[in-house]
PDB file of N, CA and C in Angstrom:
ATOM      1  N   MET A   1      30.428  -6.633  -7.832  1.00  0.00           N
ATOM      2  CA  MET A   1      29.963  -5.851  -7.112  1.00  0.00           C
ATOM      3  C   MET A   1      28.509  -5.417  -7.594  1.00  0.00           C
ATOM      4  N   ALA A   2      28.205  -4.817  -8.968  1.00  0.00           N
ATOM      5  CA  ALA A   2      27.295  -4.187  -9.201  1.00  0.00           C
ATOM      6  C   ALA A   2      26.117  -5.254  -9.344  1.00  0.00           C
ATOM      7  N   ALA A   3      26.211  -6.444  -9.775  1.00  0.00           N
ATOM      8  CA  ALA A   3      25.304  -7.464  -9.556  1.00  0.00           C
ATOM      9  C   ALA A   3      24.648  -7.843  -8.199  1.00  0.00           C
ATOM     10  N   SER A   4      25.295  -7.694  -7.155  1.00  0.00           N
ATOM     11  CA  SER A   4      25.051  -7.557  -5.792  1.00  0.00           C
ATOM     12  C   SER A   4      24.077  -6.421  -5.166  1.00  0.00           C
ATOM     13  N   LEU A   5      24.459  -5.381  -6.120  1.00  0.00           N
ATOM     14  CA  LEU A   5      23.520  -4.246  -5.663  1.00  0.00           C
ATOM     15  C   LEU A   5      22.105  -4.292  -6.110  1.00  0.00           C
ATOM     16  N   ASN A   6      21.520  -5.340  -6.682  1.00  0.00           N
ATOM     17  CA  ASN A   6      20.378  -5.465  -6.949  1.00  0.00           C
ATOM     18  C   ASN A   6      19.374  -5.905  -5.882  1.00  0.00           C
ATOM     19  N   LYS A   7      20.248  -6.052  -4.522  1.00  0.00           N
ATOM     20  CA  LYS A   7      19.282  -6.407  -3.250  1.00  0.00           C
ATOM     21  C   LYS A   7      19.692  -5.437  -2.401  1.00  0.00           C
ATOM     22  N   ARG A   8      18.641  -4.957  -1.696  1.00  0.00           N
ATOM     23  CA  ARG A   8      18.551  -3.361  -0.829  1.00  0.00           C
ATOM     24  C   ARG A   8      19.516  -3.643   0.168  1.00  0.00           C
ATOM     25  N   LYS A   9      19.975  -4.529   0.957  1.00  0.00           N
ATOM     26  CA  LYS A   9      20.855  -4.545   2.015  1.00  0.00           C
ATOM     27  C   LYS A   9      22.225  -4.260   1.363  1.00  0.00           C
ATOM     28  N   HIS A  10      22.639  -4.839   0.063  1.00  0.00           N
ATOM     29  CA  HIS A  10      24.048  -4.524  -0.441  1.00  0.00           C
ATOM     30  C   HIS A  10      24.056  -3.083  -0.794  1.00  0.00           C
ATOM     31  N   ARG A  11      23.099  -2.231  -1.150  1.00  0.00           N
ATOM     32  CA  ARG A  11      22.905  -1.070  -1.750  1.00  0.00           C
ATOM     33  C   ARG A  11      23.004   0.016  -0.535  1.00  0.00           C
ATOM     34  N   ASP A  12      22.359  -0.354   0.626  1.00  0.00           N
ATOM     35  CA  ASP A  12      22.354   0.076   1.702  1.00  0.00           C
ATOM     36  C   ASP A  12      23.808   0.146   2.529  1.00  0.00           C
ATOM     37  N   LYS A  13      24.584  -1.145   2.387  1.00  0.00           N
ATOM     38  CA  LYS A  13      25.854  -1.179   2.908  1.00  0.00           C
ATOM     39  C   LYS A  13      26.967  -0.296   2.105  1.00  0.00           C
ATOM     40  N   HIS A  14      26.680  -0.220   0.941  1.00  0.00           N
ATOM     41  CA  HIS A  14      27.647   0.489   0.013  1.00  0.00           C
ATOM     42  C   HIS A  14      27.343   1.866  -0.352  1.00  0.00           C
ATOM     43  N   ASN A  15      26.293   2.519   0.146  1.00  0.00           N
ATOM     44  CA  ASN A  15      25.468   3.537  -0.039  1.00  0.00           C
ATOM     45  C   ASN A  15      25.567   3.888  -1.370  1.00  0.00           C
ATOM     46  N   ARG A  16      24.876   3.265  -2.224  1.00  0.00           N
ATOM     47  CA  ARG A  16      24.561   3.241  -3.537  1.00  0.00           C
ATOM     48  C   ARG A  16      23.248   3.180  -3.834  1.00  0.00           C
ATOM     49  N   ILE A  17      22.848   3.809  -5.285  1.00  0.00           N
ATOM     50  CA  ILE A  17      21.501   3.600  -5.870  1.00  0.00           C
ATOM     51  C   ILE A  17      21.501   3.141  -7.091  1.00  0.00           C
ATOM     52  N   ILE A  18      20.724   2.107  -7.636  1.00  0.00           N
ATOM     53  CA  ILE A  18      20.612   1.708  -9.010  1.00  0.00           C
ATOM     54  C   ILE A  18      19.421   2.411  -9.863  1.00  0.00           C
ATOM     55  N   LEU A  19      19.419   2.803 -10.780  1.00  0.00           N
ATOM     56  CA  LEU A  19      18.536   3.604 -11.811  1.00  0.00           C
ATOM     57  C   LEU A  19      18.240   2.654 -12.876  1.00  0.00           C
ATOM     58  N   GLU A  20      17.242   2.236 -13.344  1.00  0.00           N
ATOM     59  CA  GLU A  20      17.046   1.763 -14.508  1.00  0.00           C
ATOM     60  C   GLU A  20      16.533   2.516 -15.602  1.00  0.00           C
ATOM     61  N   GLY A  21      16.813   2.442 -16.769  1.00  0.00           N
ATOM     62  CA  GLY A  21      16.271   3.145 -17.858  1.00  0.00           C
ATOM     63  C   GLY A  21      16.885   4.372 -18.298  1.00  0.00           C
ATOM     64  N   TRP A  22      17.184   5.002 -19.387  1.00  0.00           N
ATOM     65  CA  TRP A  22      17.679   5.762 -19.787  1.00  0.00           C
ATOM     66  C   TRP A  22      17.060   6.875 -19.159  1.00  0.00           C
ATOM     67  N   ARG A  23      15.887   7.333 -19.133  1.00  0.00           N
ATOM     68  CA  ARG A  23      15.314   8.311 -18.685  1.00  0.00           C
ATOM     69  C   ARG A  23      15.559   8.685 -17.175  1.00  0.00           C
ATOM     70  N   LEU A  24      15.691   7.661 -16.327  1.00  0.00           N
ATOM     71  CA  LEU A  24      15.903   7.955 -14.823  1.00  0.00           C
ATOM     72  C   LEU A  24      17.665   8.062 -14.851  1.00  0.00           C
ATOM     73  N   VAL A  25      18.412   7.208 -15.648  1.00  0.00           N
ATOM     74  CA  VAL A  25      19.962   7.642 -15.726  1.00  0.00           C
ATOM     75  C   VAL A  25      20.017   9.173 -16.124  1.00  0.00           C
ATOM     76  N   ASN A  26      19.305   9.810 -17.176  1.00  0.00           N
ATOM     77  CA  ASN A  26      19.429  10.979 -17.724  1.00  0.00           C
ATOM     78  C   ASN A  26      19.244  11.996 -16.634  1.00  0.00           C
ATOM     79  N   GLU A  27      17.981  11.871 -15.762  1.00  0.00           N
ATOM     80  CA  GLU A  27      17.488  12.470 -14.840  1.00  0.00           C
ATOM     81  C   GLU A  27      18.336  13.106 -13.650  1.00  0.00           C
ATOM     82  N   ALA A  28      19.041  11.686 -13.296  1.00  0.00           N
ATOM     83  CA  ALA A  28      20.101  11.846 -12.444  1.00  0.00           C
ATOM     84  C   ALA A  28      21.508  12.569 -12.682  1.00  0.00           C
ATOM     85  N   LEU A  29      21.664  12.449 -14.023  1.00  0.00           N
ATOM     86  CA  LEU A  29      22.783  13.079 -14.606  1.00  0.00           C
ATOM     87  C   LEU A  29      22.782  14.446 -14.575  1.00  0.00           C
ATOM     88  N   MET A  30      21.520  14.876 -15.009  1.00  0.00           N
ATOM     89  CA  MET A  30      21.442  16.295 -15.101  1.00  0.00           C
ATOM     90  C   MET A  30      20.857  16.985 -13.381  1.00  0.00           C
ATOM     91  N   ALA A  31      20.697  16.007 -12.508  1.00  0.00           N
ATOM     92  CA  ALA A  31      20.528  16.707 -11.199  1.00  0.00           C
ATOM     93  C   ALA A  31      22.123  16.564 -10.567  1.00  0.00           C
ATOM     94  N   LYS A  32      23.128  16.335 -11.359  1.00  0.00           N
ATOM     95  CA  LYS A  32      24.441  16.164 -10.776  1.00  0.00           C
ATOM     96  C   LYS A  32      24.701  15.219  -9.731  1.00  0.00           C
ATOM     97  N   ALA A  33      24.092  14.215  -9.967  1.00  0.00           N
ATOM     98  CA  ALA A  33      24.258  13.002  -9.099  1.00  0.00           C
ATOM     99  C   ALA A  33      25.692  12.315  -9.505  1.00  0.00           C
ATOM    100  N   ARG A  34      26.259  12.014  -8.517  1.00  0.00           N
ATOM    101  CA  ARG A  34      27.704  11.408  -8.632  1.00  0.00           C
ATOM    102  C   ARG A  34      27.648  10.065  -9.279  1.00  0.00           C
ATOM    103  N   VAL A  35      27.818   9.688 -10.375  1.00  0.00           N
ATOM    104  CA  VAL A  35      27.745   8.637 -11.227  1.00  0.00           C
ATOM    105  C   VAL A  35      28.869   7.906 -10.863  1.00  0.00           C
ATOM    106  N   LEU A  36      28.673   6.323 -10.940  1.00  0.00           N
ATOM    107  CA  LEU A  36      29.771   5.408 -10.592  1.00  0.00           C
ATOM    108  C   LEU A  36      30.128   4.495 -11.791  1.00  0.00           C
ATOM    109  N   SER A  37      28.911   4.288 -12.168  1.00  0.00           N
ATOM    110  CA  SER A  37      28.844   3.388 -13.472  1.00  0.00           C
ATOM    111  C   SER A  37      27.802   3.387 -14.145  1.00  0.00           C
ATOM    112  N   ILE A  38      27.861   3.007 -15.457  1.00  0.00           N
ATOM    113  CA  ILE A  38      26.491   2.801 -16.446  1.00  0.00           C
ATOM    114  C   ILE A  38      26.851   1.836 -17.246  1.00  0.00           C
ATOM    115  N   PHE A  39      26.030   0.828 -17.176  1.00  0.00           N
ATOM    116  CA  PHE A  39      25.677  -0.257 -17.847  1.00  0.00           C
ATOM    117  C   PHE A  39      25.155  -0.569 -18.633  1.00  0.00           C
ATOM    118  N   TYR A  40      25.165  -0.690 -19.990  1.00  0.00           N
ATOM    119  CA  TYR A  40      24.304  -0.908 -21.069  1.00  0.00           C
ATOM    120  C   TYR A  40      24.395  -2.218 -21.887  1.00  0.00           C
ATOM    121  N   SER A  41      23.180  -2.689 -22.361  1.00  0.00           N
ATOM    122  CA  SER A  41      23.609  -3.790 -23.419  1.00  0.00           C
ATOM    123  C   SER A  41      23.007  -3.192 -24.654  1.00  0.00           C
ATOM    124  N   ASP A  42      22.267  -1.931 -25.125  1.00  0.00           N
ATOM    125  CA  ASP A  42      22.100  -1.552 -26.501  1.00  0.00           C
ATOM    126  C   ASP A  42      22.756  -0.235 -26.562  1.00  0.00           C
ATOM    127  N   PRO A  43      23.585  -0.098 -27.353  1.00  0.00           N
ATOM    128  CA  PRO A  43      24.598   1.133 -27.258  1.00  0.00           C
ATOM    129  C   PRO A  43      23.757   2.427 -27.859  1.00  0.00           C
ATOM    130  N   GLY A  44      22.698   2.057 -28.566  1.00  0.00           N
ATOM    131  CA  GLY A  44      21.689   3.020 -28.832  1.00  0.00           C
ATOM    132  C   GLY A  44      21.214   3.821 -27.869  1.00  0.00           C
ATOM    133  N   LEU A  45      20.927   3.362 -26.512  1.00  0.00           N
ATOM    134  CA  LEU A  45      20.316   4.057 -25.606  1.00  0.00           C
ATOM    135  C   LEU A  45      21.403   5.032 -25.245  1.00  0.00           C
ATOM    136  N   LEU A  46      22.501   4.824 -25.297  1.00  0.00           N
ATOM    137  CA  LEU A  46      23.507   6.089 -24.846  1.00  0.00           C
ATOM    138  C   LEU A  46      23.225   7.218 -25.647  1.00  0.00           C
ATOM    139  N   ASP A  47      22.589   7.355 -26.819  1.00  0.00           N
ATOM    140  CA  ASP A  47      22.175   8.602 -27.671  1.00  0.00           C
ATOM    141  C   ASP A  47      21.292   9.433 -26.748  1.00  0.00           C
ATOM    142  N   HIS A  48      20.449   8.935 -25.887  1.00  0.00           N
ATOM    143  CA  HIS A  48      19.527   9.579 -24.858  1.00  0.00           C
ATOM    144  C   HIS A  48      20.094  10.323 -23.804  1.00  0.00           C
ATOM    145  N   ILE A  49      21.599  10.184 -23.540  1.00  0.00           N
ATOM    146  CA  ILE A  49      22.058  10.695 -22.243  1.00  0.00           C
ATOM    147  C   ILE A  49      23.460  11.589 -22.830  1.00  0.00           C
ATOM    148  N   ASP A  50      23.962  12.255 -22.057  1.00  0.00           N
ATOM    149  CA  ASP A  50      24.957  13.433 -22.501  1.00  0.00           C
ATOM    150  C   ASP A  50      26.167  12.529 -21.992  1.00  0.00           C
ATOM    151  N   THR A  51      27.002  11.703 -22.646  1.00  0.00           N
ATOM    152  CA  THR A  51      28.405  11.002 -22.169  1.00  0.00           C
ATOM    153  C   THR A  51      29.447  11.756 -22.095  1.00  0.00           C
ATOM    154  N   SER A  52      29.600  12.936 -22.685  1.00  0.00           N
ATOM    155  CA  SER A  52      30.665  13.927 -22.647  1.00  0.00           C
ATOM    156  C   SER A  52      31.271  14.293 -21.479  1.00  0.00           C
ATOM    157  N   THR A  53      30.246  14.399 -20.308  1.00  0.00           N
ATOM    158  CA  THR A  53      30.586  14.885 -19.061  1.00  0.00           C
ATOM    159  C   THR A  53      31.033  13.813 -17.882  1.00  0.00           C
ATOM    160  N   LEU A  54      30.793  12.493 -18.449  1.00  0.00           N
ATOM    161  CA  LEU A  54      30.937  11.472 -17.481  1.00  0.00           C
ATOM    162  C   LEU A  54      32.530  11.104 -17.196  1.00  0.00           C
ATOM    163  N   PRO A  55      32.722  10.735 -15.935  1.00  0.00           N
ATOM    164  CA  PRO A  55      34.211  10.289 -15.739  1.00  0.00           C
ATOM    165  C   PRO A  55      34.804   9.011 -16.710  1.00  0.00           C
ATOM    166  N   ASN A  56      35.839   9.152 -16.897  1.00  0.00           N
ATOM    167  CA  ASN A  56      36.429   7.960 -17.650  1.00  0.00           C
ATOM    168  C   ASN A  56      36.165   6.523 -17.083  1.00  0.00           C
ATOM    169  N   ASN A  57      35.944   5.731 -17.916  1.00  0.00           N
ATOM    170  CA  ASN A  57      35.838   4.397 -17.686  1.00  0.00           C
ATOM    171  C   ASN A  57      34.538   3.830 -16.489  1.00  0.00           C
ATOM    172  N   CYS A  58      33.475   4.732 -16.695  1.00  0.00           N
ATOM    173  CA  CYS A  58      32.350   4.570 -15.716  1.00  0.00           C
ATOM    174  C   CYS A  58      31.327   3.722 -17.081  1.00  0.00           C
ATOM    175  N   LEU A  59      31.287   3.853 -18.010  1.00  0.00           N
ATOM    176  CA  LEU A  59      30.530   3.291 -19.199  1.00  0.00           C
ATOM    177  C   LEU A  59      30.980   1.857 -19.324  1.00  0.00           C
ATOM    178  N   ALA A  60      30.096   0.897 -19.393  1.00  0.00           N
ATOM    179  CA  ALA A  60      30.473  -0.559 -19.502  1.00  0.00           C
ATOM    180  C   ALA A  60      29.355  -1.374 -20.278  1.00  0.00           C
ATOM    181  N   GLN A  61      29.868  -1.771 -21.497  1.00  0.00           N
ATOM    182  CA  GLN A  61      28.803  -2.407 -22.051  1.00  0.00           C
ATOM    183  C   GLN A  61      28.730  -3.938 -21.696  1.00  0.00           C
ATOM    184  N   VAL A  62      27.603  -4.711 -21.510  1.00  0.00           N
ATOM    185  CA  VAL A  62      27.481  -5.943 -21.077  1.00  0.00           C
ATOM    186  C   VAL A  62      26.523  -6.722 -21.705  1.00  0.00           C
ATOM    187  N   SER A  63      26.795  -8.076 -21.782  1.00  0.00           N
ATOM    188  CA  SER A  63      25.614  -8.650 -22.276  1.00  0.00           C
ATOM    189  C   SER A  63      24.235  -8.541 -21.789  1.00  0.00           C
ATOM    190  N   GLN A  64      23.163  -9.215 -22.695  1.00  0.00           N
ATOM    191  CA  GLN A  64      21.624  -9.215 -22.067  1.00  0.00           C
ATOM    192  C   GLN A  64      21.670  -9.958 -21.130  1.00  0.00           C
ATOM    193  N   GLU A  65      22.311 -10.910 -20.940  1.00  0.00           N
ATOM    194  CA  GLU A  65      22.408 -12.150 -19.550  1.00  0.00           C
ATOM    195  C   GLU A  65      22.695 -11.127 -18.476  1.00  0.00           C
ATOM    196  N   THR A  66      23.883 -10.348 -18.385  1.00  0.00           N
ATOM    197  CA  THR A  66      24.297  -9.577 -17.448  1.00  0.00           C
ATOM    198  C   THR A  66      23.364  -8.714 -17.136  1.00  0.00           C
ATOM    199  N   MET A  67      22.757  -8.164 -18.046  1.00  0.00           N
ATOM    200  CA  MET A  67      21.730  -6.829 -17.774  1.00  0.00           C
ATOM    201  C   MET A  67      20.646  -7.232 -17.000  1.00  0.00           C
ATOM    202  N   GLU A  68      20.029  -8.730 -17.278  1.00  0.00           N
ATOM    203  CA  GLU A  68      19.176  -9.270 -16.574  1.00  0.00           C
ATOM    204  C   GLU A  68      19.405  -9.614 -15.007  1.00  0.00           C
ATOM    205  N   THR A  69      20.753  -9.824 -14.559  1.00  0.00           N
ATOM    206  CA  THR A  69      21.081  -9.930 -13.447  1.00  0.00           C
ATOM    207  C   THR A  69      21.240  -8.459 -12.731  1.00  0.00           C
ATOM    208  N   LEU A  70      21.501  -7.526 -13.525  1.00  0.00           N
ATOM    209  CA  LEU A  70      21.500  -6.218 -12.929  1.00  0.00           C
ATOM    210  C   LEU A  70      20.273  -5.492 -12.806  1.00  0.00           C
ATOM    211  N   SER A  71      19.535  -5.795 -13.432  1.00  0.00           N
ATOM    212  CA  SER A  71      17.996  -5.215 -13.486  1.00  0.00           C
ATOM    213  C   SER A  71      17.010  -6.227 -12.415  1.00  0.00           C
ATOM    214  N   ASN A  72      16.081  -5.331 -11.728  1.00  0.00           N
ATOM    215  CA  ASN A  72      14.819  -5.922 -10.969  1.00  0.00           C
ATOM    216  C   ASN A  72      13.947  -6.101 -11.854  1.00  0.00           C
ATOM    217  N   ALA A  73      14.078  -5.398 -13.244  1.00  0.00           N
ATOM    218  CA  ALA A  73      12.645  -5.619 -14.065  1.00  0.00           C
ATOM    219  C   ALA A  73      12.503  -6.689 -14.755  1.00  0.00           C
ATOM    220  N   VAL A  74      11.336  -7.126 -14.940  1.00  0.00           N
ATOM    221  CA  VAL A  74      11.078  -8.381 -15.671  1.00  0.00           C
ATOM    222  C   VAL A  74      11.497  -8.458 -17.132  1.00  0.00           C
ATOM    223  N   THR A  75      11.394  -7.172 -17.654  1.00  0.00           N
ATOM    224  CA  THR A  75      11.827  -6.815 -19.198  1.00  0.00           C
ATOM    225  C   THR A  75      13.197  -5.802 -18.968  1.00  0.00           C
ATOM    226  N   PRO A  76      14.598  -6.126 -18.899  1.00  0.00           N
ATOM    227  CA  PRO A  76      15.498  -5.234 -18.442  1.00  0.00           C
ATOM    228  C   PRO A  76      15.475  -4.062 -19.504  1.00  0.00           C
ATOM    229  N   PRO A  77      15.759  -2.830 -18.979  1.00  0.00           N
ATOM    230  CA  PRO A  77      15.434  -1.572 -19.884  1.00  0.00           C
ATOM    231  C   PRO A  77      16.926  -1.527 -20.728  1.00  0.00           C
ATOM    232  N   GLY A  78      18.041  -2.056 -20.557  1.00  0.00           N
ATOM    233  CA  GLY A  78      19.160  -2.051 -21.433  1.00  0.00           C
ATOM    234  C   GLY A  78      20.060  -1.047 -21.105  1.00  0.00           C
ATOM    235  N   ILE A  79      19.660  -0.137 -19.873  1.00  0.00           N
ATOM    236  CA  ILE A  79      20.776   0.588 -19.467  1.00  0.00           C
ATOM    237  C   ILE A  79      20.164   0.915 -17.857  1.00  0.00           C
ATOM    238  N   VAL A  80      21.465   0.275 -17.102  1.00  0.00           N
ATOM    239  CA  VAL A  80      21.189   0.627 -15.783  1.00  0.00           C
ATOM    240  C   VAL A  80      22.535   1.679 -15.063  1.00  0.00           C
ATOM    241  N   GLY A  81      21.959   2.793 -14.247  1.00  0.00           N
ATOM    242  CA  GLY A  81      23.121   3.343 -13.724  1.00  0.00           C
ATOM    243  C   GLY A  81      23.436   3.150 -12.066  1.00  0.00           C
ATOM    244  N   MET A  82      24.725   3.193 -11.871  1.00  0.00           N
ATOM    245  CA  MET A  82      24.461   2.851 -10.414  1.00  0.00           C
ATOM    246  C   MET A  82      25.345   4.211 -10.241  1.00  0.00           C
ATOM    247  N   PHE A  83      24.704   5.108  -8.970  1.00  0.00           N
ATOM    248  CA  PHE A  83      25.316   6.059  -8.439  1.00  0.00           C
ATOM    249  C   PHE A  83      25.572   6.176  -6.927  1.00  0.00           C
ATOM    250  N   LYS A  84      26.218   6.985  -6.326  1.00  0.00           N
ATOM    251  CA  LYS A  84      26.141   7.467  -5.050  1.00  0.00           C
ATOM    252  C   LYS A  84      25.218   7.894  -4.308  1.00  0.00           C
ATOM    253  N   ARG A  85      24.600   7.409  -3.717  1.00  0.00           N
ATOM    254  CA  ARG A  85      23.359   7.724  -2.670  1.00  0.00           C
ATOM    255  C   ARG A  85      23.520   9.305  -2.302  1.00  0.00           C
ATOM    256  N   PRO A  86      22.588   9.987  -2.558  1.00  0.00           N
ATOM    257  CA  PRO A  86      22.695  11.291  -2.299  1.00  0.00           C
ATOM    258  C   PRO A  86      22.342  11.674  -0.903  1.00  0.00           C
ATOM    259  N   ARG A  87      22.972  12.564   0.122  1.00  0.00           N
ATOM    260  CA  ARG A  87      22.466  12.761   1.182  1.00  0.00           C
ATOM    261  C   ARG A  87      21.326  13.870   1.099  1.00  0.00           C
ATOM    262  N   GLN A  88      20.669  13.867   2.214  1.00  0.00           N
ATOM    263  CA  GLN A  88      19.628  14.973   2.429  1.00  0.00           C
ATOM    264  C   GLN A  88      20.099  16.435   2.198  1.00  0.00           C
ATOM    265  N   GLY A  89      19.660  17.032   1.074  1.00  0.00           N
ATOM    266  CA  GLY A  89      19.983  18.466   0.660  1.00  0.00           C
ATOM    267  C   GLY A  89      21.135  18.640  -0.306  1.00  0.00           C
ATOM    268  N   GLU A  90      21.533  17.336  -0.733  1.00  0.00           N
ATOM    269  CA  GLU A  90      22.574  17.095  -1.678  1.00  0.00           C
ATOM    270  C   GLU A  90      21.841  16.943  -2.978  1.00  0.00           C
ATOM    271  N   GLY A  91      22.795  17.205  -3.897  1.00  0.00           N
ATOM    272  CA  GLY A  91      22.082  17.185  -5.365  1.00  0.00           C
ATOM    273  C   GLY A  91      21.762  18.419  -6.209  1.00  0.00           C
ATOM    274  N   GLY A  92      21.034  17.913  -7.139  1.00  0.00           N
ATOM    275  CA  GLY A  92      20.634  19.126  -7.936  1.00  0.00           C
ATOM    276  C   GLY A  92      18.989  19.500  -7.607  1.00  0.00           C
ATOM    277  N   GLU A  93      18.550  20.635  -8.572  1.00  0.00           N
ATOM    278  CA  GLU A  93      17.269  20.783  -8.229  1.00  0.00           C
ATOM    279  C   GLU A  93      16.094  20.106  -8.965  1.00  0.00           C
ATOM    280  N   LEU A  94      14.970  19.825  -8.414  1.00  0.00           N
ATOM    281  CA  LEU A  94      14.101  19.254  -8.742  1.00  0.00           C
ATOM    282  C   LEU A  94      13.060  20.295  -9.743  1.00  0.00           C
ATOM    283  N   ARG A  95      12.596  19.904 -11.013  1.00  0.00           N
ATOM    284  CA  ARG A  95      11.835  20.856 -11.651  1.00  0.00           C
ATOM    285  C   ARG A  95      10.308  21.064 -11.025  1.00  0.00           C
ATOM    286  N   SER A  96       9.867  22.213 -11.066  1.00  0.00           N
ATOM    287  CA  SER A  96       8.646  22.365 -10.613  1.00  0.00           C
ATOM    288  C   SER A  96       7.470  22.042 -11.668  1.00  0.00           C
ATOM    289  N   ASN A  97       6.302  21.960 -10.844  1.00  0.00           N
ATOM    290  CA  ASN A  97       5.151  21.623 -12.030  1.00  0.00           C
ATOM    291  C   ASN A  97       5.198  22.632 -13.200  1.00  0.00           C
ATOM    292  N   SER A  98       5.388  23.827 -12.649  1.00  0.00           N
ATOM    293  CA  SER A  98       5.127  25.110 -13.870  1.00  0.00           C
ATOM    294  C   SER A  98       6.314  24.894 -14.761  1.00  0.00           C
ATOM    295  N   GLU A  99       7.138  24.406 -14.811  1.00  0.00           N
ATOM    296  CA  GLU A  99       8.324  24.182 -15.777  1.00  0.00           C
ATOM    297  C   GLU A  99       7.994  23.009 -16.784  1.00  0.00           C
ATOM    298  N   LEU A 100       6.919  22.324 -16.547  1.00  0.00           N
ATOM    299  CA  LEU A 100       6.495  21.028 -17.395  1.00  0.00           C
ATOM    300  C   LEU A 100       5.962  21.667 -18.724  1.00  0.00           C
ATOM    301  N   GLU A 101       6.258  21.006 -19.679  1.00  0.00           N
ATOM    302  CA  GLU A 101       5.721  21.774 -20.782  1.00  0.00           C
ATOM    303  C   GLU A 101       4.255  21.000 -20.871  1.00  0.00           C
ATOM    304  N   ASN A 102       3.992  19.589 -21.076  1.00  0.00           N
ATOM    305  CA  ASN A 102       2.821  18.843 -21.324  1.00  0.00           C
ATOM    306  C   ASN A 102       2.326  18.159 -20.145  1.00  0.00           C
ATOM    307  N   PRO A 103       0.991  18.223 -19.746  1.00  0.00           N
ATOM    308  CA  PRO A 103       0.591  17.416 -18.784  1.00  0.00           C
ATOM    309  C   PRO A 103       0.790  15.929 -19.202  1.00  0.00           C
ATOM    310  N   VAL A 104       0.753  15.242 -17.935  1.00  0.00           N
ATOM    311  CA  VAL A 104       1.050  13.649 -18.233  1.00  0.00           C
ATOM    312  C   VAL A 104      -0.334  12.913 -17.845  1.00  0.00           C
ATOM    313  N   THR A 105      -0.564  12.020 -18.756  1.00  0.00           N
ATOM    314  CA  THR A 105      -1.721  11.113 -18.114  1.00  0.00           C
ATOM    315  C   THR A 105      -1.056   9.615 -18.260  1.00  0.00           C
ATOM    316  N   VAL A 106      -1.381   9.023 -17.115  1.00  0.00           N
ATOM    317  CA  VAL A 106      -0.684   7.690 -16.889  1.00  0.00           C
ATOM    318  C   VAL A 106      -2.041   6.519 -16.845  1.00  0.00           C
ATOM    319  N   LEU A 107      -2.034   5.990 -17.490  1.00  0.00           N
ATOM    320  CA  LEU A 107      -3.012   4.767 -17.548  1.00  0.00           C
ATOM    321  C   LEU A 107      -2.536   3.541 -17.252  1.00  0.00           C
ATOM    322  N   CYS A 108      -2.959   2.741 -16.482  1.00  0.00           N
ATOM    323  CA  CYS A 108      -2.430   1.558 -15.589  1.00  0.00           C
ATOM    324  C   CYS A 108      -3.565   0.350 -15.905  1.00  0.00           C
ATOM    325  N   ASP A 109      -3.071  -0.635 -16.506  1.00  0.00           N
ATOM    326  CA  ASP A 109      -3.902  -1.961 -16.750  1.00  0.00           C
ATOM    327  C   ASP A 109      -2.984  -3.166 -16.320  1.00  0.00           C
ATOM    328  N   GLY A 110      -3.832  -3.941 -15.360  1.00  0.00           N
ATOM    329  CA  GLY A 110      -3.363  -5.205 -14.969  1.00  0.00           C
ATOM    330  C   GLY A 110      -1.958  -4.989 -13.777  1.00  0.00           C
ATOM    331  N   LEU A 111      -2.412  -3.741 -13.094  1.00  0.00           N
ATOM    332  CA  LEU A 111      -1.275  -3.625 -12.148  1.00  0.00           C
ATOM    333  C   LEU A 111      -0.973  -4.551 -11.020  1.00  0.00           C
ATOM    334  N   ARG A 112      -0.101  -5.300 -10.722  1.00  0.00           N
ATOM    335  CA  ARG A 112      -0.053  -6.408  -9.660  1.00  0.00           C
ATOM    336  C   ARG A 112       0.404  -5.903  -8.467  1.00  0.00           C
ATOM    337  N   ASP A 113       1.470  -4.900  -8.562  1.00  0.00           N
ATOM    338  CA  ASP A 113       1.855  -4.511  -7.224  1.00  0.00           C
ATOM    339  C   ASP A 113       1.865  -3.236  -7.135  1.00  0.00           C
ATOM    340  N   PRO A 114       1.325  -2.702  -5.790  1.00  0.00           N
ATOM    341  CA  PRO A 114       0.747  -1.381  -5.911  1.00  0.00           C
ATOM    342  C   PRO A 114       2.303  -0.352  -5.700  1.00  0.00           C
ATOM    343  N   THR A 115       3.068  -1.008  -5.303  1.00  0.00           N
ATOM    344  CA  THR A 115       4.288   0.066  -5.505  1.00  0.00           C
ATOM    345  C   THR A 115       4.714   0.441  -6.665  1.00  0.00           C
ATOM    346  N   ASN A 116       4.358  -0.187  -7.672  1.00  0.00           N
ATOM    347  CA  ASN A 116       4.676  -0.099  -9.044  1.00  0.00           C
ATOM    348  C   ASN A 116       3.683   1.516  -9.495  1.00  0.00           C
ATOM    349  N   LEU A 117       2.590   1.420  -8.885  1.00  0.00           N
ATOM    350  CA  LEU A 117       1.969   2.669  -9.243  1.00  0.00           C
ATOM    351  C   LEU A 117       2.563   3.955  -8.630  1.00  0.00           C
ATOM    352  N   GLY A 118       3.046   3.551  -7.173  1.00  0.00           N
ATOM    353  CA  GLY A 118       3.780   4.441  -6.902  1.00  0.00           C
ATOM    354  C   GLY A 118       4.927   4.969  -7.551  1.00  0.00           C
ATOM    355  N   MET A 119       5.821   3.922  -8.019  1.00  0.00           N
ATOM    356  CA  MET A 119       6.987   4.071  -8.851  1.00  0.00           C
ATOM    357  C   MET A 119       6.492   5.170 -10.072  1.00  0.00           C
ATOM    358  N   ILE A 120       5.410   4.511 -10.965  1.00  0.00           N
ATOM    359  CA  ILE A 120       5.222   5.411 -12.249  1.00  0.00           C
ATOM    360  C   ILE A 120       4.569   6.869 -11.639  1.00  0.00           C
ATOM    361  N   THR A 121       3.643   6.906 -10.516  1.00  0.00           N
ATOM    362  CA  THR A 121       3.444   8.235 -10.189  1.00  0.00           C
ATOM    363  C   THR A 121       4.687   9.194  -9.924  1.00  0.00           C
ATOM    364  N   THR A 122       5.564   8.674  -9.044  1.00  0.00           N
ATOM    365  CA  THR A 122       6.929   9.689  -8.931  1.00  0.00           C
ATOM    366  C   THR A 122       7.622   9.818 -10.014  1.00  0.00           C
ATOM    367  N   LEU A 123       7.715   8.953 -11.136  1.00  0.00           N
ATOM    368  CA  LEU A 123       8.438   9.472 -12.218  1.00  0.00           C
ATOM    369  C   LEU A 123       7.905  10.357 -13.237  1.00  0.00           C
ATOM    370  N   ASN A 124       6.410  10.356 -13.067  1.00  0.00           N
ATOM    371  CA  ASN A 124       5.632  11.316 -13.954  1.00  0.00           C
ATOM    372  C   ASN A 124       5.247  12.507 -13.429  1.00  0.00           C
ATOM    373  N   MET A 125       5.505  12.703 -12.250  1.00  0.00           N
ATOM    374  CA  MET A 125       5.147  13.925 -11.433  1.00  0.00           C
ATOM    375  C   MET A 125       6.070  15.213 -11.620  1.00  0.00           C
TER     376      MET A 125
END
């Protein structure tokens, strides 16, 4: 089922979201998103997230080939989280800009897809 969720129609049908990379997975966990599974190919990436509060059997180590099928990225991040899609008003609180310690500067070179810029901006704001 997880491999089919890299297609939007399957994610919508099953009310799931896929987050790629340890930063996004960690942010979702901090926002109290309901985690269903976390797939990883590099055990070192688990050091970046708090696994002590995760439900039993939600962590699964997979091969690099499997990670490539789970990820939409050209270079898979090594960790992918499957979460229940939150409803409007559900979930944790977002940090305000006043709580950020350091401003962020984003430089983009050779950007081929404008949606990538939108994602980069969203992740860094």
